[in-house]
Amino acid sequence: VHPGESVSSFACEGLMRELLSESPLARKLRAKYVFKIVPMLNPDGVVLGNYRTNLSGRDLNRVWNQPCKFLHPTIYFAKRALMSRCAPLGVFADLHGHSRKLNWFIYGCLPPRKPRKRSNIPPFVLPPPDMRTRDAVLLPLLLSRISQTFSIKDCYFHMRPQKESTARITIYKELALPRCVTVEISFCGSSER
C-alpha cells in the first residue's frame, strides 16, 4: 500500500517466486493451500512517487474500514473480494517496510483484555490460552522457529484506536480472523550479520 516501502515489494516477489518454484516445500504448499496475492494496491502512488499516499492524497492503509469505490478503488475491491470469498481464510498478511527496527516481525490482533497496572513486561507476552489467542500467537511462534531473522520480541498484538482503520484490524474485526497480521520488514537489514 505504501509505495516508499519497497522492501515489502521485494518480499512479496520473493514469496511468489518461492511459491511458484518446484521445491518440495512449494509443491506441498500449493497442494494444500490456495494463495491469493495482491502484489500492488497503490499503483497511482508508485507512479506519482508518493511515499504513503495514493492519487487522492490518502493513506490507503487508513481507509479499510470504509473505503470509497471512487477514491480508494483498489482497497474497495480488495476488501469486497475478501468479504465474498468461498473458502475460509486461513491467514491475511499485509506487507510493509519498517525504518526503525532490524529484522522482520508482525503486528497481530488479540482480543482486548481487562486493563492492568503498567509494568515492564514486553509487548509480546502470552496471555491466558483461549482459542483465539492461541491462533493469533501461533504464527509468530512458528516463524521464530524457522527464521533466524524473525524477531518475536518486536511483535505487537494490541489494537490501538488510531490503527482501527488499517487492513489488519479491519479484517480481524469484520471476518473474526485471528491470524490477521501486518508483516513489517526492516529497511535496515537484520541483526544476523
C-alpha atoms as a PDB file:
ATOM      1  CA  VAL A   1       0.000   0.000   0.000  1.00  0.00           C
ATOM      2  CA  HIS A   2       2.850   2.406   0.785  1.00  0.00           C
ATOM      3  CA  PRO A   3       4.970   2.952  -2.361  1.00  0.00           C
ATOM      4  CA  GLY A   4       8.033   4.067  -0.395  1.00  0.00           C
ATOM      5  CA  GLU A   5       8.189   0.750   1.452  1.00  0.00           C
ATOM      6  CA  SER A   6       9.939  -1.066  -1.392  1.00  0.00           C
ATOM      7  CA  VAL A   7      11.225  -3.868   0.857  1.00  0.00           C
ATOM      8  CA  SER A   8       7.668  -5.185   1.034  1.00  0.00           C
ATOM      9  CA  SER A   9       7.537  -5.407  -2.773  1.00  0.00           C
ATOM     10  CA  PHE A  10      10.780  -7.401  -2.799  1.00  0.00           C
ATOM     11  CA  ALA A  11       9.452  -9.688  -0.056  1.00  0.00           C
ATOM     12  CA  CYS A  12       6.214 -10.232  -1.993  1.00  0.00           C
ATOM     13  CA  GLU A  13       8.188 -11.042  -5.144  1.00  0.00           C
ATOM     14  CA  GLY A  14      10.370 -13.490  -3.211  1.00  0.00           C
ATOM     15  CA  LEU A  15       7.295 -15.156  -1.720  1.00  0.00           C
ATOM     16  CA  MET A  16       5.689 -15.520  -5.160  1.00  0.00           C
ATOM     17  CA  ARG A  17       8.900 -16.900  -6.700  1.00  0.00           C
ATOM     18  CA  GLU A  18       9.194 -19.481  -3.925  1.00  0.00           C
ATOM     19  CA  LEU A  19       5.527 -20.495  -4.133  1.00  0.00           C
ATOM     20  CA  LEU A  20       5.830 -20.925  -7.907  1.00  0.00           C
ATOM     21  CA  SER A  21       9.098 -22.865  -7.722  1.00  0.00           C
ATOM     22  CA  GLU A  22       9.435 -26.622  -7.950  1.00  0.00           C
ATOM     23  CA  SER A  23      10.900 -27.008  -4.466  1.00  0.00           C
ATOM     24  CA  PRO A  24       9.366 -29.793  -2.362  1.00  0.00           C
ATOM     25  CA  LEU A  25       8.035 -27.239   0.135  1.00  0.00           C
ATOM     26  CA  ALA A  26       6.411 -25.126  -2.595  1.00  0.00           C
ATOM     27  CA  ARG A  27       4.764 -28.204  -4.096  1.00  0.00           C
ATOM     28  CA  LYS A  28       3.354 -29.230  -0.699  1.00  0.00           C
ATOM     29  CA  LEU A  29       2.065 -25.732  -0.003  1.00  0.00           C
ATOM     30  CA  ARG A  30       0.384 -25.447  -3.421  1.00  0.00           C
ATOM     31  CA  ALA A  31      -1.224 -28.865  -2.982  1.00  0.00           C
ATOM     32  CA  LYS A  32      -2.654 -27.968   0.412  1.00  0.00           C
ATOM     33  CA  TYR A  33      -3.486 -24.234   0.243  1.00  0.00           C
ATOM     34  CA  VAL A  34      -4.866 -21.609  -2.117  1.00  0.00           C
ATOM     35  CA  PHE A  35      -2.808 -18.417  -2.167  1.00  0.00           C
ATOM     36  CA  LYS A  36      -4.392 -15.146  -3.243  1.00  0.00           C
ATOM     37  CA  ILE A  37      -1.717 -12.485  -3.571  1.00  0.00           C
ATOM     38  CA  VAL A  38      -2.311  -8.856  -4.478  1.00  0.00           C
ATOM     39  CA  PRO A  39       1.175  -7.550  -5.228  1.00  0.00           C
ATOM     40  CA  MET A  40       0.263  -3.855  -5.507  1.00  0.00           C
ATOM     41  CA  LEU A  41      -2.647  -1.905  -4.041  1.00  0.00           C
ATOM     42  CA  ASN A  42      -1.354   1.588  -4.827  1.00  0.00           C
ATOM     43  CA  PRO A  43      -0.110   1.834  -8.431  1.00  0.00           C
ATOM     44  CA  ASP A  44      -1.059   5.546  -8.610  1.00  0.00           C
ATOM     45  CA  GLY A  45       1.110   6.321  -5.606  1.00  0.00           C
ATOM     46  CA  VAL A  46       4.035   4.468  -7.180  1.00  0.00           C
ATOM     47  CA  VAL A  47       3.705   6.336 -10.490  1.00  0.00           C
ATOM     48  CA  LEU A  48       3.468   9.682  -8.671  1.00  0.00           C
ATOM     49  CA  GLY A  49       6.468   8.894  -6.465  1.00  0.00           C
ATOM     50  CA  ASN A  50       4.426   9.262  -3.278  1.00  0.00           C
ATOM     51  CA  TYR A  51       5.766   7.675  -0.121  1.00  0.00           C
ATOM     52  CA  ARG A  52       2.489   6.698   1.611  1.00  0.00           C
ATOM     53  CA  THR A  53      -0.449   8.132  -0.320  1.00  0.00           C
ATOM     54  CA  ASN A  54      -2.455   7.491  -3.487  1.00  0.00           C
ATOM     55  CA  LEU A  55      -3.601   9.842  -6.254  1.00  0.00           C
ATOM     56  CA  SER A  56      -6.190  11.485  -3.971  1.00  0.00           C
ATOM     57  CA  GLY A  57      -3.583  12.057  -1.248  1.00  0.00           C
ATOM     58  CA  ARG A  58      -4.972   9.403   1.126  1.00  0.00           C
ATOM     59  CA  ASP A  59      -3.016   6.796   3.049  1.00  0.00           C
ATOM     60  CA  LEU A  60      -4.727   3.661   1.738  1.00  0.00           C
ATOM     61  CA  ASN A  61      -3.893   1.724   4.888  1.00  0.00           C
ATOM     62  CA  ARG A  62      -6.169   4.061   6.838  1.00  0.00           C
ATOM     63  CA  VAL A  63      -9.360   3.556   4.796  1.00  0.00           C
ATOM     64  CA  TRP A  64     -10.004  -0.192   5.100  1.00  0.00           C
ATOM     65  CA  ASN A  65     -12.919   0.306   7.487  1.00  0.00           C
ATOM     66  CA  GLN A  66     -14.861   2.410   4.925  1.00  0.00           C
ATOM     67  CA  PRO A  67     -13.161   2.517   1.520  1.00  0.00           C
ATOM     68  CA  CYS A  68     -14.752   4.684  -1.162  1.00  0.00           C
ATOM     69  CA  LYS A  69     -15.261   2.979  -4.526  1.00  0.00           C
ATOM     70  CA  PHE A  70     -14.104   6.123  -6.375  1.00  0.00           C
ATOM     71  CA  LEU A  71     -11.351   7.493  -4.108  1.00  0.00           C
ATOM     72  CA  HIS A  72      -9.864   4.156  -2.981  1.00  0.00           C
ATOM     73  CA  PRO A  73     -10.887   1.638  -5.681  1.00  0.00           C
ATOM     74  CA  THR A  74      -8.092  -0.868  -5.059  1.00  0.00           C
ATOM     75  CA  ILE A  75      -8.919  -1.123  -1.353  1.00  0.00           C
ATOM     76  CA  TYR A  76     -12.668  -1.149  -2.024  1.00  0.00           C
ATOM     77  CA  PHE A  77     -12.437  -4.085  -4.452  1.00  0.00           C
ATOM     78  CA  ALA A  78      -9.761  -5.978  -2.488  1.00  0.00           C
ATOM     79  CA  LYS A  79     -11.939  -5.804   0.614  1.00  0.00           C
ATOM     80  CA  ARG A  80     -15.005  -6.798  -1.367  1.00  0.00           C
ATOM     81  CA  ALA A  81     -13.154  -9.850  -2.711  1.00  0.00           C
ATOM     82  CA  LEU A  82     -12.082 -10.819   0.815  1.00  0.00           C
ATOM     83  CA  MET A  83     -15.623 -10.491   2.140  1.00  0.00           C
ATOM     84  CA  SER A  84     -17.134 -12.574  -0.669  1.00  0.00           C
ATOM     85  CA  ARG A  85     -14.690 -15.465  -0.517  1.00  0.00           C
ATOM     86  CA  CYS A  86     -15.990 -19.017  -0.822  1.00  0.00           C
ATOM     87  CA  ALA A  87     -13.470 -20.880   1.331  1.00  0.00           C
ATOM     88  CA  PRO A  88     -12.456 -19.918   4.857  1.00  0.00           C
ATOM     89  CA  LEU A  89      -9.497 -17.577   5.046  1.00  0.00           C
ATOM     90  CA  GLY A  90      -6.523 -19.011   6.948  1.00  0.00           C
ATOM     91  CA  VAL A  91      -4.183 -16.014   7.098  1.00  0.00           C
ATOM     92  CA  PHE A  92      -4.358 -12.397   5.981  1.00  0.00           C
ATOM     93  CA  ALA A  93      -0.935 -10.741   5.713  1.00  0.00           C
ATOM     94  CA  ASP A  94      -0.353  -7.095   4.788  1.00  0.00           C
ATOM     95  CA  LEU A  95       3.320  -6.448   3.902  1.00  0.00           C
ATOM     96  CA  HIS A  96       5.073  -3.228   4.938  1.00  0.00           C
ATOM     97  CA  GLY A  97       8.555  -1.785   5.400  1.00  0.00           C
ATOM     98  CA  HIS A  98       9.884  -0.573   8.750  1.00  0.00           C
ATOM     99  CA  SER A  99      12.546   2.105   9.062  1.00  0.00           C
ATOM    100  CA  ARG A 100      13.499   1.933  12.750  1.00  0.00           C
ATOM    101  CA  LYS A 101      13.898  -1.735  13.686  1.00  0.00           C
ATOM    102  CA  LEU A 102      16.041  -4.572  12.381  1.00  0.00           C
ATOM    103  CA  ASN A 103      14.809  -7.969  11.162  1.00  0.00           C
ATOM    104  CA  TRP A 104      11.178  -8.726  10.348  1.00  0.00           C
ATOM    105  CA  PHE A 105       8.251  -9.112  12.681  1.00  0.00           C
ATOM    106  CA  ILE A 106       4.481  -8.893  12.766  1.00  0.00           C
ATOM    107  CA  TYR A 107       1.741  -6.823  14.275  1.00  0.00           C
ATOM    108  CA  GLY A 108      -1.224  -9.048  15.047  1.00  0.00           C
ATOM    109  CA  CYS A 109      -4.533  -8.766  16.865  1.00  0.00           C
ATOM    110  CA  LEU A 110      -5.553 -10.108  20.242  1.00  0.00           C
ATOM    111  CA  PRO A 111      -8.971  -9.758  21.819  1.00  0.00           C
ATOM    112  CA  PRO A 112      -8.936  -6.870  24.310  1.00  0.00           C
ATOM    113  CA  ARG A 113      -8.061  -7.811  27.863  1.00  0.00           C
ATOM    114  CA  LYS A 114      -9.032  -6.113  31.071  1.00  0.00           C
ATOM    115  CA  PRO A 115      -6.729  -3.202  31.887  1.00  0.00           C
ATOM    116  CA  ARG A 116      -3.921  -3.971  34.273  1.00  0.00           C
ATOM    117  CA  LYS A 117      -1.294  -1.942  36.035  1.00  0.00           C
ATOM    118  CA  ARG A 118       1.608  -0.824  33.867  1.00  0.00           C
ATOM    119  CA  SER A 119       4.674  -2.984  34.162  1.00  0.00           C
ATOM    120  CA  ASN A 120       7.953  -3.704  32.459  1.00  0.00           C
ATOM    121  CA  ILE A 121       6.542  -6.753  30.694  1.00  0.00           C
ATOM    122  CA  PRO A 122       7.439  -6.651  26.970  1.00  0.00           C
ATOM    123  CA  PRO A 123       4.601  -6.302  24.412  1.00  0.00           C
ATOM    124  CA  PHE A 124       4.875  -9.955  23.323  1.00  0.00           C
ATOM    125  CA  VAL A 125       3.599 -11.823  26.362  1.00  0.00           C
ATOM    126  CA  LEU A 126       1.456 -14.902  26.069  1.00  0.00           C
ATOM    127  CA  PRO A 127      -1.893 -14.198  27.720  1.00  0.00           C
ATOM    128  CA  PRO A 128      -4.176 -16.975  29.013  1.00  0.00           C
ATOM    129  CA  PRO A 129      -4.542 -19.605  26.261  1.00  0.00           C
ATOM    130  CA  ASP A 130      -8.048 -19.235  24.874  1.00  0.00           C
ATOM    131  CA  MET A 131      -8.638 -20.407  21.291  1.00  0.00           C
ATOM    132  CA  ARG A 132      -8.448 -17.007  19.537  1.00  0.00           C
ATOM    133  CA  THR A 133      -5.357 -16.006  21.481  1.00  0.00           C
ATOM    134  CA  ARG A 134      -3.672 -19.298  20.672  1.00  0.00           C
ATOM    135  CA  ASP A 135      -4.434 -18.871  16.972  1.00  0.00           C
ATOM    136  CA  ALA A 136      -3.132 -15.292  16.974  1.00  0.00           C
ATOM    137  CA  VAL A 137       0.221 -16.104  18.581  1.00  0.00           C
ATOM    138  CA  LEU A 138       0.855 -19.443  16.866  1.00  0.00           C
ATOM    139  CA  LEU A 139       2.039 -17.878  13.587  1.00  0.00           C
ATOM    140  CA  PRO A 140       4.802 -15.733  15.142  1.00  0.00           C
ATOM    141  CA  LEU A 141       5.900 -18.614  17.350  1.00  0.00           C
ATOM    142  CA  LEU A 142       6.290 -20.840  14.278  1.00  0.00           C
ATOM    143  CA  LEU A 143       8.050 -18.094  12.314  1.00  0.00           C
ATOM    144  CA  SER A 144      10.527 -17.584  15.147  1.00  0.00           C
ATOM    145  CA  ARG A 145      11.468 -21.263  14.923  1.00  0.00           C
ATOM    146  CA  ILE A 146      12.090 -21.319  11.172  1.00  0.00           C
ATOM    147  CA  SER A 147      13.663 -17.901  10.532  1.00  0.00           C
ATOM    148  CA  GLN A 148      16.792 -16.543  12.221  1.00  0.00           C
ATOM    149  CA  THR A 149      15.855 -13.024  11.137  1.00  0.00           C
ATOM    150  CA  PHE A 150      12.310 -13.080  12.531  1.00  0.00           C
ATOM    151  CA  SER A 151      12.149 -11.012  15.730  1.00  0.00           C
ATOM    152  CA  ILE A 152       9.491 -12.296  18.089  1.00  0.00           C
ATOM    153  CA  LYS A 153      10.421  -9.648  20.667  1.00  0.00           C
ATOM    154  CA  ASP A 154       9.313  -6.927  18.233  1.00  0.00           C
ATOM    155  CA  CYS A 155       5.897  -8.491  17.568  1.00  0.00           C
ATOM    156  CA  TYR A 156       2.958  -6.499  18.888  1.00  0.00           C
ATOM    157  CA  PHE A 157      -0.661  -7.614  19.260  1.00  0.00           C
ATOM    158  CA  HIS A 158      -2.561  -4.701  20.737  1.00  0.00           C
ATOM    159  CA  MET A 159      -5.145  -2.833  18.677  1.00  0.00           C
ATOM    160  CA  ARG A 160      -4.609   0.865  19.285  1.00  0.00           C
ATOM    161  CA  PRO A 161      -7.560   3.136  18.441  1.00  0.00           C
ATOM    162  CA  GLN A 162      -5.539   5.143  15.881  1.00  0.00           C
ATOM    163  CA  LYS A 163      -4.981   1.919  13.912  1.00  0.00           C
ATOM    164  CA  GLU A 164      -8.681   0.912  13.746  1.00  0.00           C
ATOM    165  CA  SER A 165      -8.955   1.662  10.011  1.00  0.00           C
ATOM    166  CA  THR A 166      -5.893  -0.373   8.968  1.00  0.00           C
ATOM    167  CA  ALA A 167      -6.214  -3.588   6.972  1.00  0.00           C
ATOM    168  CA  ARG A 168      -5.028  -5.728   9.884  1.00  0.00           C
ATOM    169  CA  ILE A 169      -7.605  -4.537  12.416  1.00  0.00           C
ATOM    170  CA  THR A 170     -10.500  -4.077   9.978  1.00  0.00           C
ATOM    171  CA  ILE A 171     -10.169  -7.589   8.527  1.00  0.00           C
ATOM    172  CA  TYR A 172      -9.630  -9.074  12.007  1.00  0.00           C
ATOM    173  CA  LYS A 173     -12.839  -7.499  13.287  1.00  0.00           C
ATOM    174  CA  GLU A 174     -15.051  -7.946  10.228  1.00  0.00           C
ATOM    175  CA  LEU A 175     -14.021 -11.549   9.486  1.00  0.00           C
ATOM    176  CA  ALA A 176     -13.207 -12.634  13.065  1.00  0.00           C
ATOM    177  CA  LEU A 177      -9.863 -13.864  11.706  1.00  0.00           C
ATOM    178  CA  PRO A 178      -7.253 -14.383  14.448  1.00  0.00           C
ATOM    179  CA  ARG A 179      -4.359 -14.778  12.003  1.00  0.00           C
ATOM    180  CA  CYS A 180      -4.650 -11.300  10.536  1.00  0.00           C
ATOM    181  CA  VAL A 181      -1.247  -9.619  10.535  1.00  0.00           C
ATOM    182  CA  THR A 182       0.857  -6.772   9.284  1.00  0.00           C
ATOM    183  CA  VAL A 183       4.279  -8.087   8.306  1.00  0.00           C
ATOM    184  CA  GLU A 184       6.954  -5.445   8.917  1.00  0.00           C
ATOM    185  CA  ILE A 185      10.253  -5.912   7.072  1.00  0.00           C
ATOM    186  CA  SER A 186      13.222  -3.761   8.013  1.00  0.00           C
ATOM    187  CA  PHE A 187      14.812  -1.310   5.594  1.00  0.00           C
ATOM    188  CA  CYS A 188      17.947  -1.734   7.708  1.00  0.00           C
ATOM    189  CA  GLY A 189      18.525  -5.464   7.293  1.00  0.00           C
ATOM    190  CA  SER A 190      18.874  -7.979  10.069  1.00  0.00           C
ATOM    191  CA  SER A 191      20.815  -8.285  13.287  1.00  0.00           C
ATOM    192  CA  GLU A 192      22.198 -11.596  11.957  1.00  0.00           C
ATOM    193  CA  ARG A 193      25.378 -10.416  10.279  1.00  0.00           C
END
